[in-house]
Protein backbone atom coordinates (compact mmCIF):
# COMPACT_ATOMS: atom_id res chain seq x y z
CA MET A 1 97.90 218.63 87.13
CA GLU A 2 96.26 217.86 90.51
CA PHE A 3 93.48 215.52 91.62
CA PHE A 4 91.73 215.44 95.00
CA TRP A 5 89.59 212.60 96.29
CA LYS A 6 88.47 211.08 99.53
CA LYS A 7 88.83 207.43 100.48
CA SER A 8 87.83 205.92 103.81
CA LYS A 9 87.52 209.31 105.48
CA ARG A 10 91.09 210.26 104.46
CA GLU A 11 92.13 212.91 101.87
CA PHE A 12 94.82 212.34 99.23
CA GLN A 13 96.44 214.60 96.59
CA LEU A 14 97.77 213.35 93.25
CA THR A 15 100.32 215.37 91.19
CA VAL A 16 101.36 214.29 87.69
CA SER A 17 104.49 215.79 86.11
CA THR A 18 107.14 215.03 83.49
CA PHE A 19 110.68 214.52 84.58
CA GLY A 20 112.90 217.48 83.70
CA ASN A 21 110.05 219.98 83.28
CA SER A 22 110.25 222.14 86.39
CA SER A 23 107.18 224.11 85.46
CA THR A 24 104.87 221.12 86.23
CA GLU A 25 106.62 219.85 89.38
CA LYS A 26 105.06 220.52 92.79
CA SER A 27 106.52 220.23 96.27
CA PHE A 28 104.54 218.96 99.30
CA SER A 29 104.70 220.04 102.91
CA SER A 30 102.03 217.58 104.15
CA LYS A 31 102.75 215.52 107.22
CA GLY A 32 101.47 212.47 105.36
CA GLU A 33 103.62 209.99 103.46
CA THR A 34 104.44 210.71 99.80
CA LEU A 35 104.69 207.77 97.39
CA THR A 36 106.30 208.17 93.94
CA TRP A 37 105.97 205.98 90.84
CA GLY A 38 107.57 206.35 87.38
CA ARG A 39 108.57 204.28 84.36
CA GLU A 40 111.75 202.41 85.01
CA ASN A 41 112.81 202.67 81.32
CA HIS A 42 113.92 199.03 81.19
CA GLY A 43 116.02 199.32 84.32
CA LYS A 44 118.01 202.36 83.15
CA GLY A 45 116.36 204.81 85.55
CA ILE A 46 113.95 207.67 84.92
CA GLY A 47 114.63 209.76 81.84
CA VAL A 48 113.53 213.13 80.54
CA GLY A 49 109.90 213.10 79.54
CA ASP A 50 108.92 210.17 81.74
CA TRP A 51 105.77 210.61 83.75
CA ILE A 52 106.03 210.79 87.52
CA PHE A 53 103.00 210.18 89.79
CA GLN A 54 103.04 211.47 93.33
CA VAL A 55 100.34 210.49 95.85
CA THR A 56 100.27 212.40 99.09
CA ASP A 57 98.20 211.79 102.19
CA ILE A 58 97.16 215.31 103.15
CA SER A 59 94.66 214.39 105.86
CA GLY A 60 97.41 215.09 108.36
CA GLU A 61 96.52 212.29 110.89
CA MET A 62 95.79 208.56 111.17
CA PRO A 63 92.13 207.44 111.34
CA SER A 64 90.66 207.59 114.82
CA PHE A 65 89.12 204.46 116.38
CA ASP A 66 86.88 204.24 119.40
CA SER A 67 88.14 202.37 122.45
CA PHE A 68 86.44 199.08 121.56
CA ASP A 69 87.77 199.10 117.98
CA ALA A 70 91.24 199.92 119.25
CA PHE A 71 90.99 197.06 121.73
CA LEU A 72 89.94 194.60 119.01
CA LEU A 73 92.79 195.67 116.73
CA ALA A 74 95.31 195.41 119.56
CA ALA A 75 93.95 191.99 120.55
CA SER A 76 94.06 190.80 116.93
CA ASN A 77 97.68 191.89 116.61
CA ALA A 78 98.52 190.22 119.93
CA CYS A 79 96.99 187.00 118.57
CA CYS A 80 99.59 187.13 115.79
CA SER A 81 102.54 187.02 118.20
CA PRO A 82 104.84 183.97 118.09
CA ILE A 83 103.28 182.29 121.14
CA ALA A 84 99.77 182.94 119.80
CA LEU A 85 100.75 181.50 116.42
CA PHE A 86 102.02 178.37 118.18
CA ILE A 87 98.75 177.98 120.10
CA GLN A 88 96.66 178.35 116.94
CA ILE A 89 98.78 176.00 114.84
CA GLN A 90 98.71 173.52 117.73
CA GLY A 91 94.91 173.74 117.62
CA PHE A 92 94.99 172.81 113.94
CA PHE A 93 96.94 169.66 114.77
CA ILE A 94 94.55 168.75 117.59
CA CYS A 95 91.61 168.95 115.17
CA LEU A 96 93.43 166.89 112.55
CA LEU A 97 94.54 164.28 115.10
CA LEU A 98 90.94 163.86 116.24
CA ALA A 99 89.88 163.50 112.62
CA LEU A 100 92.58 160.87 112.04
CA GLY A 101 91.57 158.92 115.15
CA TRP A 102 87.93 158.85 114.10
CA ALA A 103 88.94 157.82 110.58
CA LEU A 104 90.90 154.84 111.95
CA ALA A 105 87.98 153.91 114.23
CA SER A 106 85.66 154.11 111.22
CA TYR A 107 87.91 151.70 109.35
CA VAL A 108 87.70 149.11 112.15
CA ARG A 109 83.91 149.38 112.49
CA ASN A 110 83.37 149.40 108.72
CA LYS A 111 85.48 146.28 108.36
CA GLU A 112 83.04 144.47 110.66
CA ILE A 113 80.09 145.77 108.61
CA ARG A 114 81.61 144.33 105.43
CA LYS A 115 82.21 141.04 107.22
CA ILE A 116 78.56 140.78 108.29
CA LYS A 117 77.28 141.72 104.84
CA GLU A 118 79.53 139.19 103.11
CA SER A 119 78.33 136.46 105.47
CA THR A 120 74.71 137.42 104.77
CA GLU A 121 75.29 137.32 101.01
CA LYS A 122 76.64 133.78 101.39
CA GLY A 123 73.31 132.69 102.87
CA ASN A 124 73.91 133.20 106.60
CA SER A 125 70.69 134.84 107.79
CA PHE A 126 72.08 134.91 111.34
CA ALA A 127 75.23 136.88 110.55
CA PHE A 128 74.15 139.45 113.15
CA LEU A 129 74.68 136.71 115.75
CA CYS A 130 77.71 134.96 114.32
CA CYS A 131 79.51 135.29 110.99
CA ASP A 132 80.31 131.57 110.96
CA ILE A 133 76.96 129.79 110.83
CA ASN A 134 78.60 126.53 111.93
CA ASP A 135 79.06 128.02 115.38
CA LEU A 136 75.26 128.01 115.72
CA GLU A 137 75.07 124.22 115.40
CA HIS A 138 73.41 122.54 118.36
CA SER A 139 76.58 120.56 119.12
CA ASN A 140 78.45 123.83 119.62
CA GLN A 141 75.69 125.64 121.50
CA VAL A 142 75.29 122.96 124.18
CA ASN A 143 78.95 123.36 125.12
CA LEU A 144 78.79 127.10 125.66
CA PRO A 145 79.92 128.22 129.14
CA ARG A 146 77.56 129.54 131.81
CA VAL A 147 77.42 133.32 132.14
CA SER A 148 76.12 135.40 135.04
CA VAL A 149 74.97 138.90 134.12
CA VAL A 150 75.12 141.31 137.07
CA MET A 151 73.25 144.60 136.71
CA PRO A 152 73.61 147.14 139.56
CA LEU A 153 70.52 149.37 139.50
CA LYS A 154 69.75 152.79 140.90
CA GLY A 155 66.54 154.62 140.05
CA TYR A 156 64.21 154.29 137.10
CA GLY A 157 64.32 156.27 133.85
CA GLU A 158 62.47 156.54 130.56
CA HIS A 159 64.73 154.13 128.62
CA ASN A 160 65.37 151.54 131.35
CA LEU A 161 62.61 149.10 130.41
CA HIS A 162 63.78 148.94 126.81
CA ASN A 163 67.38 148.45 127.94
CA TRP A 164 66.51 145.72 130.47
CA ARG A 165 64.39 143.94 127.89
CA SER A 166 67.31 143.93 125.42
CA GLN A 167 69.49 142.40 128.14
CA ILE A 168 67.24 139.54 129.27
CA THR A 169 66.10 138.61 125.73
CA SER A 170 69.65 137.93 124.56
CA LEU A 171 69.99 135.10 122.03
CA TYR A 172 72.96 133.58 123.83
CA GLY A 173 72.69 129.81 123.41
CA GLY A 174 74.37 128.74 126.64
CA PRO A 175 73.14 128.77 130.25
CA ILE A 176 72.74 132.30 131.53
CA GLU A 177 71.34 134.04 134.60
CA PHE A 178 70.44 137.68 135.19
CA LEU A 179 70.97 139.26 138.59
CA PHE A 180 69.36 142.67 139.11
CA VAL A 181 70.92 144.20 142.23
CA VAL A 182 69.27 147.14 144.02
CA GLU A 183 70.10 149.04 147.17
CA SER A 184 66.68 148.46 148.77
CA THR A 185 63.03 147.88 147.98
CA VAL A 186 62.52 151.66 148.25
CA ASP A 187 64.42 152.13 145.01
CA PRO A 188 61.95 152.72 142.12
CA ALA A 189 64.04 150.31 140.05
CA TYR A 190 62.90 147.48 142.33
CA HIS A 191 59.24 147.87 141.37
CA ALA A 192 59.95 148.51 137.71
CA ILE A 193 62.09 145.40 137.30
CA SER A 194 59.60 143.32 139.32
CA LEU A 195 56.85 144.11 136.81
CA LEU A 196 59.14 143.30 133.90
CA LEU A 197 60.29 139.95 135.29
CA LYS A 198 56.70 138.83 135.87
CA ASP A 199 56.26 138.77 132.10
CA PHE A 200 59.37 136.59 131.71
CA GLU A 201 59.25 134.47 134.88
CA ASP A 202 58.95 131.19 132.94
CA GLU A 203 61.33 132.16 130.14
CA VAL A 204 64.50 133.53 131.71
CA ASP A 205 66.55 132.82 134.82
CA ALA A 206 66.41 136.21 136.48
CA LYS A 207 66.06 137.49 140.03
CA ILE A 208 66.27 140.65 142.07
CA ILE A 209 68.83 140.94 144.87
CA VAL A 210 68.61 143.55 147.63
CA ALA A 211 72.21 144.46 148.48
CA GLY A 212 71.71 146.94 151.31
CA LEU A 213 73.74 150.10 151.86
CA SER A 214 77.42 150.36 151.06
CA THR A 215 79.78 151.40 153.83
CA THR A 216 83.30 151.06 152.40
CA CYS A 217 82.90 151.68 148.66
CA SER A 218 80.55 153.24 146.13
CA GLN A 219 77.00 151.87 146.02
CA LYS A 220 77.49 150.60 142.47
CA ILE A 221 80.59 148.59 143.41
CA HIS A 222 78.81 147.27 146.49
CA ASN A 223 75.90 146.06 144.34
CA GLN A 224 78.31 144.44 141.89
CA LEU A 225 80.17 142.54 144.60
CA VAL A 226 76.93 141.33 146.20
CA GLY A 227 75.81 140.13 142.78
CA VAL A 228 79.07 138.24 142.32
CA GLN A 229 78.56 136.54 145.69
CA LYS A 230 75.10 135.38 144.59
CA MET A 231 76.05 134.17 141.10
CA HIS A 232 75.79 130.50 140.12
CA LYS A 233 78.66 128.34 141.34
CA ASP A 234 79.23 126.98 137.83
CA SER A 235 79.40 130.33 136.07
CA LYS A 236 82.56 130.70 134.04
CA TYR A 237 82.15 134.35 133.16
CA VAL A 238 80.51 137.32 134.82
CA LEU A 239 79.21 140.23 132.76
CA PHE A 240 78.64 143.60 134.44
CA LEU A 241 76.12 145.83 132.68
CA ASP A 242 74.83 149.30 133.48
CA ASP A 243 71.10 149.88 133.21
CA ASP A 244 71.64 152.31 130.32
CA VAL A 245 73.21 149.65 128.05
CA ARG A 246 71.02 148.48 125.17
CA LEU A 247 72.41 145.11 124.10
CA HIS A 248 72.22 143.53 120.66
CA PRO A 249 70.83 139.97 120.45
CA GLY A 250 74.30 138.55 119.86
CA SER A 251 76.35 140.77 122.18
CA ILE A 252 76.75 138.28 125.03
CA GLY A 253 77.60 135.50 122.59
CA ALA A 254 80.23 137.65 120.87
CA LEU A 255 81.87 138.60 124.17
CA THR A 256 81.86 134.99 125.37
CA ALA A 257 83.33 133.70 122.10
CA GLU A 258 86.28 136.08 122.42
CA MET A 259 86.88 135.03 126.03
CA ASP A 260 86.90 131.37 125.01
CA LYS A 261 89.16 132.07 122.04
CA ASN A 262 91.79 133.83 124.16
CA PRO A 263 91.95 132.71 127.82
CA ASP A 264 94.57 135.41 128.51
CA ILE A 265 91.90 138.10 128.30
CA PHE A 266 91.39 139.69 131.70
CA ILE A 267 88.46 141.95 130.82
CA GLN A 268 86.36 142.50 127.73
CA THR A 269 84.60 145.79 127.28
CA GLY A 270 82.61 147.92 124.84
CA TYR A 271 81.43 151.49 124.47
CA PRO A 272 78.15 153.37 123.98
CA LEU A 273 76.96 155.26 120.92
CA ASP A 274 75.14 158.27 122.34
CA LEU A 275 71.84 159.24 120.74
CA PRO A 276 71.37 162.95 121.63
CA SER A 277 67.87 164.00 122.59
CA GLY A 278 68.16 167.53 121.18
CA SER A 279 69.33 169.57 124.16
CA LEU A 280 72.79 171.14 124.32
CA GLY A 281 73.54 169.03 127.40
CA SER A 282 72.90 165.79 125.50
CA TYR A 283 75.16 166.92 122.65
CA CYS A 284 77.89 167.79 125.16
CA ILE A 285 77.75 164.22 126.47
CA TYR A 286 77.85 162.87 122.91
CA GLU A 287 80.88 165.04 122.17
CA TYR A 288 82.56 163.99 125.43
CA HIS A 289 82.24 160.31 124.54
CA MET A 290 83.30 160.55 120.89
CA PRO A 291 87.05 161.14 121.47
CA CYS A 292 87.05 158.35 124.05
CA SER A 293 85.42 155.99 121.54
CA MET A 294 88.68 155.85 119.57
CA GLY A 295 90.28 153.78 122.30
CA PHE A 296 87.50 151.19 122.10
CA ALA A 297 87.40 150.89 118.30
CA THR A 298 90.65 148.96 118.07
CA GLY A 299 89.08 145.62 117.22
CA GLY A 300 91.24 144.01 119.90
CA LYS A 301 93.69 145.10 122.58
CA THR A 302 93.01 148.37 124.34
CA PHE A 303 94.10 150.17 127.49
CA PHE A 304 90.68 151.66 128.17
CA LEU A 305 87.77 150.22 130.10
CA TRP A 306 84.12 151.24 130.28
CA GLY A 307 82.25 150.22 133.42
CA GLY A 308 78.95 149.97 131.53
CA CYS A 309 80.03 146.67 129.94
CA MET A 310 82.73 144.44 131.44
CA MET A 311 83.04 140.66 131.05
CA MET A 312 85.51 138.90 133.35
CA HIS A 313 86.41 135.42 134.56
CA ALA A 314 84.15 134.49 137.48
CA ASP A 315 87.02 132.70 139.22
CA ASP A 316 88.97 135.96 139.42
CA PHE A 317 86.33 137.12 141.91
CA ARG A 318 86.02 133.80 143.72
CA THR A 319 89.77 133.74 144.40
CA ASP A 320 90.27 137.52 144.64
CA ARG A 321 92.91 137.26 141.92
CA HIS A 322 95.15 140.35 141.76
CA GLY A 323 93.01 141.74 144.60
CA VAL A 324 90.05 142.54 142.35
CA VAL A 325 87.58 142.11 145.20
CA SER A 326 89.61 143.76 147.96
CA GLU A 327 90.64 146.74 145.82
CA LEU A 328 87.03 147.35 144.82
CA ARG A 329 85.57 146.72 148.27
CA ASP A 330 88.06 148.69 150.35
CA GLY A 331 87.43 152.28 149.33
CA GLY A 332 86.75 151.74 145.63
CA TYR A 333 84.92 154.60 143.91
CA SER A 334 85.13 153.79 140.18
CA ASP A 335 84.83 150.17 139.06
CA ASP A 336 86.38 150.65 135.63
CA MET A 337 89.29 152.84 136.74
CA THR A 338 90.12 150.45 139.58
CA LEU A 339 90.04 147.36 137.36
CA ALA A 340 91.99 149.12 134.60
CA ALA A 341 94.66 150.02 137.17
CA ILE A 342 94.84 146.38 138.30
CA ALA A 343 95.13 145.23 134.68
CA GLY A 344 97.95 147.68 134.05
CA ALA A 345 99.81 146.78 137.25
CA HIS A 346 99.72 143.05 136.46
CA LYS A 347 100.09 143.43 132.68
CA ARG A 348 96.74 141.78 132.01
CA LEU A 349 94.93 142.04 128.69
CA ILE A 350 91.87 144.23 128.06
CA THR A 351 90.11 143.84 124.71
CA SER A 352 87.17 145.43 122.93
CA PRO A 353 85.62 143.45 120.05
CA PRO A 354 84.49 145.56 117.06
CA VAL A 355 80.82 144.57 117.58
CA ALA A 356 80.78 145.89 121.16
CA VAL A 357 79.14 149.23 120.41
CA PHE A 358 75.77 149.82 122.07
CA PRO A 359 73.02 152.37 121.35
CA HIS A 360 72.68 154.77 124.26
CA PRO A 361 69.59 157.00 124.03
CA LEU A 362 69.89 160.03 126.28
CA ALA A 363 67.04 161.44 128.33
CA SER A 364 64.66 163.68 126.40
CA ASP A 365 64.76 166.28 129.19
CA LEU A 366 68.50 166.12 129.83
CA SER A 367 69.30 169.58 131.12
CA PHE A 368 72.64 171.37 131.07
CA GLY A 369 72.78 171.04 134.86
CA ARG A 370 72.57 167.25 134.65
CA TYR A 371 75.32 167.28 132.02
CA TRP A 372 77.51 169.29 134.40
CA ASN A 373 76.87 166.79 137.19
CA TYR A 374 77.80 163.95 134.83
CA LEU A 375 81.01 165.73 133.80
CA ARG A 376 81.87 166.24 137.46
CA LYS A 377 81.54 162.50 138.07
CA GLN A 378 83.73 161.72 135.06
CA THR A 379 86.51 164.05 136.14
CA PHE A 380 86.25 162.94 139.76
CA VAL A 381 87.34 159.39 138.88
CA LEU A 382 90.85 160.74 138.25
CA GLU A 383 91.05 161.55 141.96
CA SER A 384 90.72 157.87 142.93
CA TYR A 385 93.72 155.56 142.68
CA THR A 386 95.05 152.27 144.02
CA THR A 387 98.85 152.62 143.87
CA LYS A 388 101.47 155.34 143.54
CA VAL A 389 101.96 154.44 139.88
CA ASN A 390 98.21 154.68 139.33
CA TRP A 391 98.25 158.13 140.98
CA ILE A 392 101.02 159.28 138.62
CA MET A 393 99.11 157.97 135.60
CA ASN A 394 95.95 159.76 136.72
CA ARG A 395 97.86 163.02 137.23
CA ALA A 396 99.37 162.68 133.75
CA LEU A 397 95.94 162.02 132.26
CA PHE A 398 94.51 164.95 134.22
CA SER A 399 97.19 167.35 132.98
CA THR A 400 97.15 166.13 129.38
CA HIS A 401 93.38 166.25 129.07
CA CYS A 402 93.17 169.74 130.56
CA TYR A 403 95.98 171.02 128.33
CA LEU A 404 94.48 169.56 125.16
CA SER A 405 90.97 170.73 126.05
CA TRP A 406 91.93 174.37 126.42
CA GLY A 407 94.45 173.98 123.60
CA PHE A 408 91.48 173.00 121.44
CA VAL A 409 89.30 175.95 122.52
CA ALA A 410 91.93 178.74 122.49
CA PRO A 411 92.33 178.93 118.67
CA TYR A 412 88.58 179.46 118.28
CA ILE A 413 88.68 182.37 120.71
CA MET A 414 91.61 183.91 118.81
CA SER A 415 89.94 183.38 115.44
CA GLY A 416 86.83 185.03 116.83
CA ILE A 417 88.92 188.08 117.72
CA HIS A 418 90.44 188.21 114.23
CA LEU A 419 87.03 188.01 112.58
CA ALA A 420 85.45 190.54 114.94
CA ALA A 421 88.22 193.06 114.22
CA ALA A 422 87.91 192.57 110.46
CA LEU A 423 84.13 192.94 110.53
CA ARG A 424 84.31 196.13 112.62
CA LEU A 425 86.70 197.69 110.13
CA TYR A 426 84.57 196.65 107.19
CA PHE A 427 81.24 197.90 108.52
CA LYS A 428 82.74 201.21 109.69
CA GLY A 429 84.22 201.93 106.26
CA TYR A 430 87.90 201.74 107.15
CA SER A 431 90.48 200.29 104.78
CA PHE A 432 92.54 197.34 106.00
CA ASP A 433 95.62 199.07 104.56
CA GLU A 434 95.27 202.16 106.71
CA ALA A 435 94.44 200.33 109.93
CA PRO A 436 96.97 198.42 112.05
CA PHE A 437 95.40 195.10 111.03
CA SER A 438 97.29 191.96 109.96
CA TYR A 439 95.93 189.65 107.29
CA THR A 440 97.67 186.80 109.10
CA GLY A 441 94.74 186.60 111.51
CA LEU A 442 92.25 186.01 108.71
CA LEU A 443 94.54 183.37 107.21
CA LEU A 444 94.71 181.56 110.55
CA ALA A 445 90.92 181.74 110.94
CA GLY A 446 90.51 180.23 107.47
CA CYS A 447 92.90 177.38 108.30
CA LEU A 448 91.03 176.67 111.54
CA ALA A 449 87.70 176.60 109.69
CA THR A 450 89.14 174.08 107.22
CA CYS A 451 90.47 171.84 110.02
CA THR A 452 87.11 172.07 111.82
CA VAL A 453 85.20 170.95 108.73
CA ILE A 454 87.57 167.99 108.31
CA GLU A 455 87.13 167.09 111.98
CA LEU A 456 83.32 167.28 111.87
CA LEU A 457 83.20 165.22 108.67
CA SER A 458 85.32 162.52 110.32
CA MET A 459 83.08 162.54 113.42
CA TRP A 460 79.99 162.37 111.21
CA ASN A 461 81.44 159.44 109.26
CA LEU A 462 82.24 157.43 112.41
CA THR A 463 78.77 158.10 113.82
CA ARG A 464 77.21 157.08 110.50
CA ILE A 465 79.16 153.82 110.42
CA GLU A 466 78.40 152.98 114.06
CA VAL A 467 74.69 153.65 113.47
CA GLN A 468 74.83 151.33 110.46
CA LEU A 469 76.63 148.66 112.51
CA CYS A 470 74.06 148.89 115.31
CA ASN A 471 71.24 148.52 112.77
CA LEU A 472 72.88 145.36 111.39
CA LEU A 473 73.45 143.89 114.86
CA SER A 474 69.84 144.53 115.94
CA PRO A 475 67.71 143.79 112.85
CA GLU A 476 64.59 143.37 114.99
CA ALA A 477 64.79 146.93 116.36
CA PRO A 478 63.48 150.05 114.61
CA PRO A 479 66.36 151.39 112.48
CA MET A 480 68.33 154.37 113.73
CA SER A 481 69.47 157.25 111.55
CA LEU A 482 71.47 160.46 111.63
CA ALA A 483 68.50 162.55 110.52
CA SER A 484 67.96 164.27 113.85
CA TYR A 485 71.62 165.00 114.62
CA ASN A 486 72.15 168.77 114.75
CA TRP A 487 75.74 169.37 113.69
CA CYS A 488 75.65 173.04 114.65
CA LEU A 489 74.91 171.90 118.21
CA VAL A 490 77.68 169.31 117.89
CA PHE A 491 80.14 172.11 117.09
CA MET A 492 78.87 174.21 119.99
CA ALA A 493 79.13 171.18 122.29
CA MET A 494 82.76 170.68 121.25
CA LEU A 495 83.62 174.15 122.47
CA VAL A 496 81.49 174.03 125.62
CA ASP A 497 82.64 170.58 126.73
CA ASN A 498 86.34 171.24 126.15
CA PHE A 499 86.11 174.60 127.90
CA LEU A 500 84.35 173.16 130.95
CA TYR A 501 86.42 169.98 131.35
CA PRO A 502 89.46 171.63 133.00
CA ILE A 503 87.17 173.65 135.26
CA SER A 504 85.35 170.49 136.36
CA ALA A 505 88.63 168.59 136.79
CA MET A 506 90.15 171.32 138.96
CA ARG A 507 87.00 171.58 141.06
CA SER A 508 87.05 167.81 141.61
CA HIS A 509 90.72 167.97 142.57
CA PHE A 510 90.23 170.64 145.22
CA SER A 511 86.88 169.44 146.58
CA GLN A 512 87.70 165.71 146.90
CA SER A 513 83.97 164.96 147.16
CA ILE A 514 81.12 164.23 144.75
CA ASN A 515 77.37 163.70 144.83
CA TRP A 516 76.53 160.54 142.89
CA SER A 517 72.83 159.67 142.67
CA GLY A 518 72.03 161.36 145.98
CA ILE A 519 75.03 159.92 147.84
CA ARG A 520 78.02 162.12 148.66
CA TYR A 521 81.40 160.40 148.66
CA HIS A 522 84.53 161.90 150.24
CA LEU A 523 87.96 160.67 149.18
CA LYS A 524 91.16 160.44 151.16
CA ASP A 525 94.38 159.13 149.61
CA GLY A 526 92.43 158.01 146.54
CA LYS A 527 89.93 155.92 148.52
CA ILE A 528 86.42 156.52 149.82
CA HIS A 529 86.57 157.23 153.54
CA THR A 530 83.22 158.96 154.22
CA ILE A 531 79.75 158.33 152.77
CA GLU A 532 76.85 160.74 153.38
CA ARG A 533 73.25 159.93 152.50
CA SER A 534 70.48 162.50 152.52
CA LYS A 535 67.41 162.64 150.31
CA ASP A 536 67.03 166.34 151.04
CA LYS A 537 70.51 167.15 149.71
CA GLY A 538 70.50 164.80 146.75
CA PRO A 539 68.84 165.31 143.36
CA LYS A 540 65.54 163.69 142.48
CA PHE A 541 66.83 162.77 139.05
CA THR A 542 70.22 161.54 137.97
CA ASP A 543 72.61 162.16 135.08
CA LEU A 544 71.93 160.75 131.61
CA GLY A 545 68.72 158.82 131.95
CA GLY A 546 66.83 161.33 134.06
CA LYS A 547 65.96 158.54 136.47
CA HIS A 548 63.69 158.76 139.51
CA LEU A 549 65.96 158.07 142.48
CA TYR A 550 63.56 157.75 145.39
CA GLY A 551 60.29 156.06 146.25
CA ARG A 552 58.33 154.97 149.32
CA LYS A 553 59.08 151.68 150.95
CA GLY A 554 56.94 148.90 149.57
CA ALA A 555 55.23 151.14 147.03
CA THR A 556 55.99 153.39 144.15
CA SER A 557 56.61 157.01 144.97
CA ASN A 558 53.39 158.50 143.61
CA TYR A 559 50.65 158.19 141.05
CA SER A 560 52.69 159.95 138.36
CA PHE A 561 55.42 157.36 138.68
CA LEU A 562 52.90 154.53 138.31
CA LEU A 563 51.45 156.23 135.27
CA SER A 564 54.90 156.70 133.77
CA LEU A 565 55.75 153.06 134.40
CA SER A 566 52.50 151.77 132.89
CA ARG A 567 52.98 153.93 129.81
CA SER A 568 56.52 152.67 129.39
CA LEU A 569 55.33 149.08 129.62
CA ALA A 570 52.64 149.75 127.06
CA GLN A 571 55.17 151.29 124.69
CA TRP A 572 57.51 148.37 125.26
CA ARG A 573 54.82 145.80 124.40
CA GLN A 574 53.90 147.72 121.25
CA PRO A 575 57.14 149.37 120.16
CA LYS A 576 57.04 152.31 117.80
CA LYS A 577 59.79 153.55 115.59
CA TYR A 578 62.47 155.22 117.67
CA ASP A 579 63.67 158.48 116.21
CA VAL A 580 67.36 158.90 116.87
């Protein structure tokens, strides 16, 4: 008895016979493989009268694939080799380690949220300033130390006025001065901050300082050091802030309290919470900062330092302790990397209080090109160093980050190959059994998808908790939310940022030069040795804030800039709800 059928473009023949009856047996001469089944008769072998089924592939040849299909199948099988399996399993662990780090950071931030809420429930309406209401007594406030806030400025962007306003309207109860340091009066920031300070001239101690051009270090460091020279002689602490930092009302008080509590602290720092504007470039910056945020969510000691917020002892600069002034002044490119290296060399303490997380709205028109320029600046800092040990540490960080970045991306490329091969077979009507395709690839892709979901959920949870903490610390501000976060773009940004980081790092290593806000710096032996300035070669806008970099001396650059500034002031005086 014979049956013929076709399956997946291949022809098979089935013969059914009874064992011992030669009249119904049939022999096959097909080149295909013959498979035989029969009753095992309880393990005693096949007996007379048992049915035997024979299936024969009589198509005579394996299915033919076009060159692209053959390439996909070969690539999929190659991605199941031992080394490929190691790379993919390693990627799973990288995802899970990131998820674990964000989970631990969430625990630290959430602990502070519970602390604030418990204090509020006990009747402390000022828990966002201080959880112990007794610290707000007049007798304690009058003894608070003097703080000088130094803000190096460059250019003017859409969020600067809001950020500056949050800085000078701090509810710190002790004596405080604000020093806005610009390169020259040509800088658009000079005119913008002048208009702002006119509205507060009788309420805050603030002034603008023109620092001039840097010759031996980066312009930012030059502005910082000039600000330190001009600070009040009685200042106990100096706080360096970038113009993209949006402070909470109690931020300066919280930083100062920790410095007073532990005099061994060398530097206190914090970290930004990026608020993406919707472009892929803004999400890439958000994704770049999120892994780094783990190191700042310790609730105490850390080895990391963010130059956007650094509080230090003023006397360390007056006496050039540990060479903080000379190391920065003589060829310094990155303020935070230089100071972190000094702290490590002298075993000094860096801390980050759990409330030191600051909203950081990104420019609404942040293009991918500006993201790339920002990434170049971030990778370039690893090329600057102060000592041989610092150079070794930077090389180790360079190598580790590059390895982990591509180690994170590679499994997604391999999983994409597995899925592409499977889909091609499915849509062309081939059977997985007849094609040289391994199910191991699909299993690996499924494991990677599971790890990715866990990672994204952990990132989402940390972002949610930090948004909630920022809302508690700034009750007067319009509440932020996660409503506008696009998690598909977050996933894309994870792949793009980790793929581009090693490329940017290697380019920085071989070029040894960078354009930062229209100024090109050249390094030699880890120090700045040449500075080039040219408006024609530099960008008109810079990195995250999309700031205007240039203007005319003694006046704003053009009518559009004046209009933009007036609109920003109007929005600042009558704030509307800010959509995150």
